Amino acid sequence: MTVNPIDAILKKDGHRVAFERLVDMNGAELNTFLMGVMEQRTSVMTIASVLARYRQSTLVAPCNLDQRELLTADLLALNGLPEEFLVRELSPVSPMGSCSVIAGVSQKNILSSLRGVEVMADPASALALEAANLRAELLRQDSRHNGRVHLATCGRTLRLQNFDNIPGFVPHFRAFGLVSAGRDMGHEAFEISSLLLHLTGFLSFIYALRMTGGYAATEIEVKLSDMRILDAVIARNGLDRQAIGRNVQKPGFNVFTENQIELPSELRLTKELTVSQINEYDLKPPFRLLSVLERGVTELLKTLFPEVRLSIDLARAAGMGYYTSACFKIVAKNKDGKEFPLADGGFVPWSKQLLASEKERMLASGFGTELFCSNYKC
C-alpha cells in the first residue's frame, strides 16, 4: 500500500496544527510567510550547495538539443498554421490551479510557486484561459456571438511526475499547443472545423520538419477516439477506474486485453463495428460523433496528406478524466522503426465551465516538439 508522504510528516508533533494554520491563512499572509521561509533557507546556503543542487536536480538540467534547432522547429510550427490561428507568447507561469482546477491534473505534478502562481505545466490550460477571455469579449457584444477563437503557442513546459519508465519523456520539454473555442451551432460544425484545423496544423508541421532533410517520420497515423467508449466499458464490466489510471502510461498496456473485453481495440473505419456491439456496450453517442468526424475530416486529410492513415482507437485510456468526448492522437515511426505519440488533443469542458454556458465548445491539443526533434533525426 502506497503511503502518502504528507501523512507521515503530519504525524510528527505539532506538524498537523502548523499545516492546518498554513492552509487557513489568506493568500497575502501565506505568500509573506513562505517568502520569509525561503529567505531564511537561502540565507544559509553556499555557492557550492547551489552548484550541487544544479547537478543533482533533473528539473533544472538543460535540454540536450541545440536551442537553435528548437527555435527553428517553433518557427516551422507557427508559420505553417492555418491563418485562423492567433499566436501568443505566454508567461512562464499560470494562475494557481490552472491545471488541477481546470484540467483535473493532480497539483502534486505541478511546480507550485508563491504569489498565487504555478510554473507552466500545460500550455493548453493557459491558452484556454486566454481563449475564454476573448470569447467573453465577444459574448459581451452579443450573448449568442458565434465568433471562434483559435490560439497557438510554443514554449517550455515542466511537470513533476516520474517519467523514468516512459521512453523519450523528460520533466521539462518544448511543446507546441493549440486551443480552439466557440459556440455550438449544431450539426457538429465546431467539432469538425476545429479538429480539421488542429490536425492540419500538426501534420503540416511534421511534413515541414521532414522537408528540412534533418528528420525522418514514416507510417504517420491519426487515431480518433472517444473517452465515452471507455466510460461505457468501465460501467458495463465494473472495472477499476483508478487501476486503469495507474497503468495507462505503461508501455503496451491495453485495457481491453487486460480485462478480456470482447471489442476490437482498433478499427479502420467506424462502420466496422457491428450494430449489436454498439448496442451491447451502449456506444451510440460516441460512435455517432466519431462517424461525423470521420466523414468530415477524412476526405480533406487524404487530399492534403495522402500518406497519413486514419483509424479508430476504441481501447484508448490515456486522457481519462481530461477529455470528455472525442479525442485524437498522432503517431509516427522514426528511422529505427520506433513509434512515439507526437500529438494529442480532444474536446474539453473548460470553456463551458469558465464561461458558465452549456453552448460553449473547446478543443485543446499539443505536440511534443522536443520529443520529435530528439527522436526523429535522420
Protein backbone atom coordinates (compact mmCIF):
# COMPACT_ATOMS: atom_id res chain seq x y z
CA MET A 1 0.00 0.00 0.00
CA THR A 2 1.40 3.42 -1.00
CA VAL A 3 1.90 5.83 1.91
CA ASN A 4 1.09 9.48 1.27
CA PRO A 5 4.29 11.41 2.19
CA ILE A 6 2.29 14.28 3.71
CA ASP A 7 0.58 11.86 6.14
CA ALA A 8 3.93 10.71 7.51
CA ILE A 9 5.00 14.32 8.10
CA LEU A 10 1.72 15.28 9.78
CA LYS A 11 2.16 12.51 12.34
CA LYS A 12 5.07 14.40 13.90
CA ASP A 13 4.31 16.51 16.97
CA GLY A 14 2.82 19.88 16.11
CA HIS A 15 3.07 19.45 12.35
CA ARG A 16 -0.65 18.91 11.75
CA VAL A 17 -1.57 22.07 13.65
CA ALA A 18 1.06 24.05 11.73
CA PHE A 19 -0.21 22.61 8.43
CA GLU A 20 -3.83 23.49 9.18
CA ARG A 21 -2.87 27.04 10.16
CA LEU A 22 -0.99 27.47 6.89
CA VAL A 23 -3.97 26.17 4.90
CA ASP A 24 -6.27 28.63 6.69
CA MET A 25 -4.07 31.68 6.03
CA ASN A 26 -5.30 34.14 3.42
CA GLY A 27 -3.27 34.42 0.24
CA ALA A 28 -1.29 37.52 1.17
CA GLU A 29 -0.33 36.18 4.59
CA LEU A 30 0.69 32.81 3.20
CA ASN A 31 2.87 34.41 0.50
CA THR A 32 4.58 36.62 3.06
CA PHE A 33 5.12 33.68 5.40
CA LEU A 34 6.55 31.39 2.72
CA MET A 35 8.78 34.13 1.30
CA GLY A 36 10.19 34.50 4.79
CA VAL A 37 10.81 30.76 4.97
CA MET A 38 12.59 30.78 1.60
CA GLU A 39 14.67 33.78 2.63
CA GLN A 40 15.77 32.00 5.80
CA ARG A 41 16.63 28.83 3.91
CA THR A 42 18.67 30.59 1.23
CA SER A 43 20.50 32.71 3.82
CA VAL A 44 22.43 29.64 5.00
CA MET A 45 23.12 28.25 1.52
CA THR A 46 26.54 28.47 -0.11
CA ILE A 47 27.62 28.81 -3.72
CA ALA A 48 28.83 25.21 -3.55
CA SER A 49 25.42 24.00 -2.35
CA VAL A 50 23.69 25.81 -5.23
CA LEU A 51 26.02 24.13 -7.71
CA ALA A 52 25.42 20.76 -6.05
CA ARG A 53 21.66 21.26 -6.35
CA TYR A 54 22.09 22.20 -10.02
CA ARG A 55 24.00 18.98 -10.67
CA GLN A 56 21.51 16.78 -8.81
CA SER A 57 18.09 18.04 -9.93
CA THR A 58 16.62 16.85 -13.24
CA LEU A 59 14.20 19.78 -13.05
CA VAL A 60 16.95 22.33 -13.78
CA ALA A 61 19.14 20.33 -16.18
CA PRO A 62 19.28 22.00 -19.62
CA CYS A 63 17.85 20.39 -22.72
CA ASN A 64 20.36 18.31 -24.69
CA LEU A 65 19.34 19.84 -28.02
CA ASP A 66 20.85 22.93 -29.60
CA GLN A 67 18.46 25.80 -28.86
CA ARG A 68 18.63 26.91 -32.50
CA GLU A 69 17.17 23.57 -33.55
CA LEU A 70 14.16 24.04 -31.29
CA LEU A 71 13.62 27.66 -32.30
CA THR A 72 13.75 26.65 -35.97
CA ALA A 73 11.13 23.98 -35.23
CA ASP A 74 8.97 26.56 -33.42
CA LEU A 75 9.00 28.82 -36.47
CA LEU A 76 8.10 25.92 -38.77
CA ALA A 77 5.22 25.03 -36.47
CA LEU A 78 3.80 28.54 -36.17
CA ASN A 79 4.39 29.64 -39.76
CA GLY A 80 2.67 26.52 -41.09
CA LEU A 81 -0.53 27.01 -39.12
CA PRO A 82 -3.86 27.74 -40.81
CA GLU A 83 -4.42 31.50 -40.95
CA GLU A 84 -7.24 31.31 -38.41
CA PHE A 85 -4.77 30.93 -35.52
CA LEU A 86 -3.55 33.80 -33.36
CA VAL A 87 -0.10 33.15 -31.90
CA ARG A 88 0.52 34.06 -28.25
CA GLU A 89 3.76 34.23 -26.24
CA LEU A 90 2.63 33.01 -22.83
CA SER A 91 4.01 33.84 -19.40
CA PRO A 92 6.22 31.09 -17.89
CA VAL A 93 3.74 30.90 -15.00
CA SER A 94 -0.03 30.39 -14.81
CA PRO A 95 -2.56 31.15 -12.09
CA MET A 96 -2.53 28.59 -9.29
CA GLY A 97 -4.96 25.81 -10.15
CA SER A 98 -4.73 26.25 -13.94
CA CYS A 99 -4.10 22.53 -14.35
CA SER A 100 -5.70 20.99 -11.26
CA VAL A 101 -8.90 23.06 -11.13
CA ILE A 102 -9.44 23.50 -14.88
CA ALA A 103 -7.95 20.31 -16.30
CA GLY A 104 -8.22 17.91 -13.38
CA VAL A 105 -4.46 17.23 -13.20
CA SER A 106 -3.08 16.48 -9.74
CA GLN A 107 -1.44 19.54 -8.15
CA LYS A 108 1.30 17.16 -6.98
CA ASN A 109 2.50 17.03 -10.60
CA ILE A 110 2.67 20.82 -10.86
CA LEU A 111 5.51 23.03 -9.55
CA SER A 112 3.56 25.41 -7.33
CA SER A 113 5.09 28.78 -6.62
CA LEU A 114 4.42 31.85 -4.47
CA ARG A 115 2.12 34.78 -5.27
CA GLY A 116 -0.69 32.50 -6.41
CA VAL A 117 1.02 31.10 -9.48
CA GLU A 118 2.47 27.83 -10.75
CA VAL A 119 5.15 27.02 -13.33
CA MET A 120 3.72 26.31 -16.78
CA ALA A 121 2.75 22.63 -16.87
CA ASP A 122 0.25 22.61 -19.74
CA PRO A 123 0.08 25.28 -22.45
CA ALA A 124 -3.44 24.06 -23.28
CA SER A 125 -4.95 25.18 -19.97
CA ALA A 126 -3.12 28.53 -20.18
CA LEU A 127 -4.38 29.06 -23.74
CA ALA A 128 -7.84 28.04 -22.56
CA LEU A 129 -7.87 30.95 -20.10
CA GLU A 130 -6.90 33.38 -22.86
CA ALA A 131 -9.46 31.87 -25.25
CA ALA A 132 -12.17 32.19 -22.61
CA ASN A 133 -11.23 35.85 -22.12
CA LEU A 134 -11.52 36.51 -25.85
CA ARG A 135 -14.81 34.63 -26.09
CA ALA A 136 -16.14 36.62 -23.13
CA GLU A 137 -15.38 39.85 -25.00
CA LEU A 138 -17.40 38.59 -27.98
CA LEU A 139 -20.27 37.49 -25.74
CA ARG A 140 -20.42 40.95 -24.17
CA GLN A 141 -21.15 42.28 -27.65
CA ASP A 142 -23.75 39.60 -28.35
CA SER A 143 -24.81 36.85 -25.95
CA ARG A 144 -25.13 34.48 -28.93
CA HIS A 145 -21.94 35.54 -30.71
CA ASN A 146 -20.60 32.62 -32.73
CA GLY A 147 -17.14 34.04 -33.42
CA ARG A 148 -14.47 31.39 -32.94
CA VAL A 149 -11.10 31.83 -31.23
CA HIS A 150 -8.07 29.81 -32.35
CA LEU A 151 -4.85 30.24 -30.35
CA ALA A 152 -1.36 28.76 -30.64
CA THR A 153 1.88 28.92 -28.69
CA CYS A 154 5.28 27.27 -28.42
CA GLY A 155 7.09 27.10 -25.10
CA ARG A 156 8.78 25.09 -22.38
CA THR A 157 6.64 23.03 -20.03
CA LEU A 158 7.56 21.44 -16.69
CA ARG A 159 5.85 18.53 -14.95
CA LEU A 160 6.78 16.70 -11.77
CA GLN A 161 5.51 13.17 -12.37
CA ASN A 162 8.00 10.32 -12.77
CA PHE A 163 8.93 9.85 -16.44
CA ASP A 164 11.65 7.24 -15.85
CA ASN A 165 9.62 4.41 -17.39
CA ILE A 166 8.27 6.35 -20.38
CA PRO A 167 10.76 6.34 -23.31
CA GLY A 168 11.50 9.77 -24.72
CA PHE A 169 9.88 11.77 -21.89
CA VAL A 170 11.69 14.21 -19.57
CA PRO A 171 10.49 16.57 -16.78
CA HIS A 172 10.68 19.76 -18.85
CA PHE A 173 10.24 19.91 -22.60
CA ARG A 174 9.38 22.11 -25.56
CA ALA A 175 5.75 21.85 -26.67
CA PHE A 176 3.52 23.31 -29.38
CA GLY A 177 -0.03 23.92 -28.11
CA LEU A 178 -3.34 24.77 -29.81
CA VAL A 179 -6.75 25.70 -28.42
CA SER A 180 -9.98 26.48 -30.28
CA ALA A 181 -13.09 27.87 -28.62
CA GLY A 182 -16.51 28.75 -29.97
CA ARG A 183 -20.25 28.33 -29.72
CA ASP A 184 -22.17 25.20 -30.58
CA MET A 185 -24.08 25.99 -33.77
CA GLY A 186 -25.42 22.47 -34.32
CA HIS A 187 -24.53 19.61 -36.68
CA GLU A 188 -21.08 19.28 -35.00
CA ALA A 189 -19.89 22.21 -37.14
CA PHE A 190 -17.49 23.44 -34.47
CA GLU A 191 -16.14 19.96 -33.78
CA ILE A 192 -15.44 19.21 -37.46
CA SER A 193 -13.87 22.56 -38.34
CA SER A 194 -11.69 22.83 -35.21
CA LEU A 195 -10.49 19.23 -35.48
CA LEU A 196 -9.51 19.84 -39.11
CA LEU A 197 -7.57 22.95 -38.15
CA HIS A 198 -5.63 21.19 -35.38
CA LEU A 199 -4.84 18.11 -37.44
CA THR A 200 -3.83 20.22 -40.43
CA GLY A 201 -1.54 22.31 -38.23
CA PHE A 202 0.22 19.31 -36.69
CA LEU A 203 0.53 17.27 -39.88
CA SER A 204 1.84 20.32 -41.77
CA PHE A 205 4.45 20.68 -39.02
CA ILE A 206 5.62 17.07 -39.40
CA TYR A 207 5.81 17.49 -43.19
CA ALA A 208 7.75 20.76 -42.80
CA LEU A 209 10.24 19.14 -40.42
CA ARG A 210 10.78 16.31 -42.89
CA MET A 211 11.28 18.80 -45.72
CA THR A 212 14.29 20.25 -43.90
CA GLY A 213 16.07 16.97 -44.54
CA GLY A 214 17.02 16.61 -40.91
CA TYR A 215 14.16 14.40 -39.73
CA ALA A 216 12.50 11.17 -40.83
CA ALA A 217 8.95 10.21 -39.89
CA THR A 218 7.09 7.38 -41.57
CA GLU A 219 3.80 5.49 -41.11
CA ILE A 220 2.10 8.62 -39.79
CA GLU A 221 -1.28 7.78 -38.30
CA VAL A 222 -4.15 9.80 -36.87
CA LYS A 223 -6.10 7.80 -34.28
CA LEU A 224 -9.58 9.06 -33.42
CA SER A 225 -11.16 8.03 -30.12
CA ASP A 226 -13.95 9.00 -27.75
CA MET A 227 -13.46 8.73 -23.99
CA ARG A 228 -17.13 7.83 -23.54
CA ILE A 229 -16.30 4.41 -25.01
CA LEU A 230 -14.02 3.67 -22.06
CA ASP A 231 -16.63 5.07 -19.67
CA ALA A 232 -19.22 2.66 -21.11
CA VAL A 233 -16.85 -0.32 -20.89
CA ILE A 234 -15.95 0.52 -17.29
CA ALA A 235 -19.62 0.81 -16.32
CA ARG A 236 -20.69 -2.39 -18.08
CA ASN A 237 -17.85 -4.53 -16.72
CA GLY A 238 -17.38 -2.95 -13.31
CA LEU A 239 -13.72 -2.12 -13.97
CA ASP A 240 -11.50 -0.28 -11.51
CA ARG A 241 -11.07 3.21 -12.96
CA GLN A 242 -8.17 4.06 -10.61
CA ALA A 243 -6.30 0.89 -11.55
CA ILE A 244 -6.66 1.77 -15.23
CA GLY A 245 -5.36 5.27 -14.49
CA ARG A 246 -2.28 3.88 -12.75
CA ASN A 247 -1.40 1.70 -15.75
CA VAL A 248 -2.35 4.00 -18.59
CA GLN A 249 1.25 5.12 -19.31
CA LYS A 250 2.69 1.62 -19.03
CA PRO A 251 4.16 0.60 -22.42
CA GLY A 252 1.91 -1.92 -24.14
CA PHE A 253 -0.99 -1.53 -21.72
CA ASN A 254 -4.35 -2.28 -23.35
CA VAL A 255 -7.45 -2.05 -21.17
CA PHE A 256 -9.43 -4.39 -23.46
CA THR A 257 -6.76 -7.10 -23.46
CA GLU A 258 -6.12 -6.82 -19.73
CA ASN A 259 -9.83 -7.22 -18.92
CA GLN A 260 -10.94 -9.63 -21.70
CA ILE A 261 -13.23 -7.03 -23.27
CA GLU A 262 -14.85 -8.50 -26.39
CA LEU A 263 -14.41 -5.45 -28.55
CA PRO A 264 -11.72 -4.79 -31.18
CA SER A 265 -9.04 -2.42 -29.93
CA GLU A 266 -8.79 -0.63 -33.26
CA LEU A 267 -10.89 -0.15 -36.38
CA ARG A 268 -10.03 1.10 -39.83
CA LEU A 269 -13.48 2.72 -40.13
CA THR A 270 -16.32 3.24 -37.66
CA LYS A 271 -18.68 1.13 -39.79
CA GLU A 272 -16.60 -1.96 -38.99
CA LEU A 273 -18.17 -2.17 -35.52
CA THR A 274 -21.43 -4.10 -35.68
CA VAL A 275 -24.77 -2.72 -34.55
CA SER A 276 -25.03 -5.46 -31.93
CA GLN A 277 -21.65 -4.49 -30.44
CA ILE A 278 -22.66 -0.82 -30.34
CA ASN A 279 -25.95 -1.68 -28.65
CA GLU A 280 -24.39 -4.16 -26.23
CA TYR A 281 -22.00 -1.55 -24.84
CA ASP A 282 -24.33 1.44 -25.33
CA LEU A 283 -21.91 3.18 -27.68
CA LYS A 284 -24.39 5.09 -29.85
CA PRO A 285 -23.47 8.65 -28.71
CA PRO A 286 -19.68 8.31 -29.13
CA PHE A 287 -19.98 6.39 -32.39
CA ARG A 288 -22.36 8.93 -33.87
CA LEU A 289 -19.83 11.70 -33.15
CA LEU A 290 -16.88 9.63 -34.38
CA SER A 291 -18.75 8.84 -37.59
CA VAL A 292 -19.47 12.52 -38.19
CA LEU A 293 -15.85 13.48 -37.52
CA GLU A 294 -14.58 10.63 -39.65
CA ARG A 295 -16.67 11.78 -42.62
CA GLY A 296 -15.82 15.43 -42.00
CA VAL A 297 -12.04 15.10 -41.87
CA THR A 298 -11.08 12.04 -43.91
CA GLU A 299 -11.56 13.43 -47.41
CA LEU A 300 -9.65 16.67 -46.83
CA LEU A 301 -6.85 14.99 -44.89
CA LYS A 302 -6.37 12.44 -47.63
CA THR A 303 -6.12 15.24 -50.17
CA LEU A 304 -3.59 17.24 -48.17
CA PHE A 305 -1.66 14.35 -46.62
CA PRO A 306 -2.21 11.26 -48.82
CA GLU A 307 0.20 9.01 -46.90
CA VAL A 308 -1.43 9.59 -43.50
CA ARG A 309 -3.53 6.72 -42.15
CA LEU A 310 -6.74 7.36 -40.22
CA SER A 311 -8.00 4.81 -37.70
CA ILE A 312 -10.40 4.48 -34.75
CA ASP A 313 -8.80 3.61 -31.40
CA LEU A 314 -11.54 2.02 -29.27
CA ALA A 315 -9.31 0.97 -26.36
CA ARG A 316 -7.80 4.38 -25.64
CA ALA A 317 -7.44 5.08 -21.90
CA ALA A 318 -4.94 7.96 -21.93
CA GLY A 319 -6.83 11.20 -21.32
CA MET A 320 -9.40 9.64 -18.99
CA GLY A 321 -10.83 12.45 -16.86
CA TYR A 322 -9.24 15.07 -19.13
CA TYR A 323 -11.15 14.76 -22.39
CA THR A 324 -14.93 14.39 -22.23
CA SER A 325 -15.72 13.03 -25.69
CA ALA A 326 -13.84 12.78 -28.98
CA CYS A 327 -10.06 12.97 -28.95
CA PHE A 328 -7.15 12.15 -31.23
CA LYS A 329 -3.53 11.09 -31.24
CA ILE A 330 -0.91 11.35 -33.98
CA VAL A 331 1.84 8.73 -34.01
CA ALA A 332 4.72 8.06 -36.41
CA LYS A 333 7.77 5.84 -36.67
CA ASN A 334 11.35 7.10 -36.75
CA LYS A 335 14.21 5.74 -38.85
CA ASP A 336 14.73 2.90 -36.37
CA GLY A 337 11.10 1.83 -36.59
CA LYS A 338 10.24 3.07 -33.09
CA GLU A 339 6.84 4.70 -32.66
CA PHE A 340 6.17 7.71 -30.44
CA PRO A 341 2.97 9.66 -29.70
CA LEU A 342 3.67 13.08 -31.20
CA ALA A 343 0.40 14.99 -30.85
CA ASP A 344 -2.59 14.58 -28.59
CA GLY A 345 -5.84 16.50 -28.34
CA GLY A 346 -9.51 16.36 -27.62
CA PHE A 347 -12.68 18.16 -26.62
CA VAL A 348 -12.70 19.52 -23.08
CA PRO A 349 -15.42 21.13 -20.90
CA TRP A 350 -13.28 24.07 -19.83
CA SER A 351 -15.00 26.85 -21.79
CA LYS A 352 -18.41 25.65 -20.58
CA GLN A 353 -17.14 25.99 -17.03
CA LEU A 354 -15.13 29.19 -17.49
CA LEU A 355 -17.99 30.99 -19.25
CA ALA A 356 -20.85 29.21 -17.44
CA SER A 357 -22.56 28.24 -20.69
CA GLU A 358 -23.51 24.80 -21.98
CA LYS A 359 -23.31 26.16 -25.51
CA GLU A 360 -19.55 26.78 -25.37
CA ARG A 361 -17.19 24.30 -27.02
CA MET A 362 -13.40 23.87 -26.79
CA LEU A 363 -10.73 21.70 -28.43
CA ALA A 364 -7.28 21.58 -26.80
CA SER A 365 -4.21 19.83 -28.19
CA GLY A 366 -0.44 19.70 -28.02
CA PHE A 367 2.59 18.45 -29.97
CA GLY A 368 5.84 17.24 -28.38
CA THR A 369 8.29 19.37 -30.35
CA GLU A 370 11.31 18.33 -28.30
CA LEU A 371 10.24 14.68 -28.38
CA PHE A 372 10.16 14.82 -32.17
CA CYS A 373 13.44 16.69 -32.57
CA SER A 374 15.18 14.28 -30.17
CA ASN A 375 13.89 11.02 -31.64
CA TYR A 376 13.32 11.59 -35.36
CA LYS A 377 16.69 12.86 -36.56
CA CYS A 378 17.92 11.26 -39.76
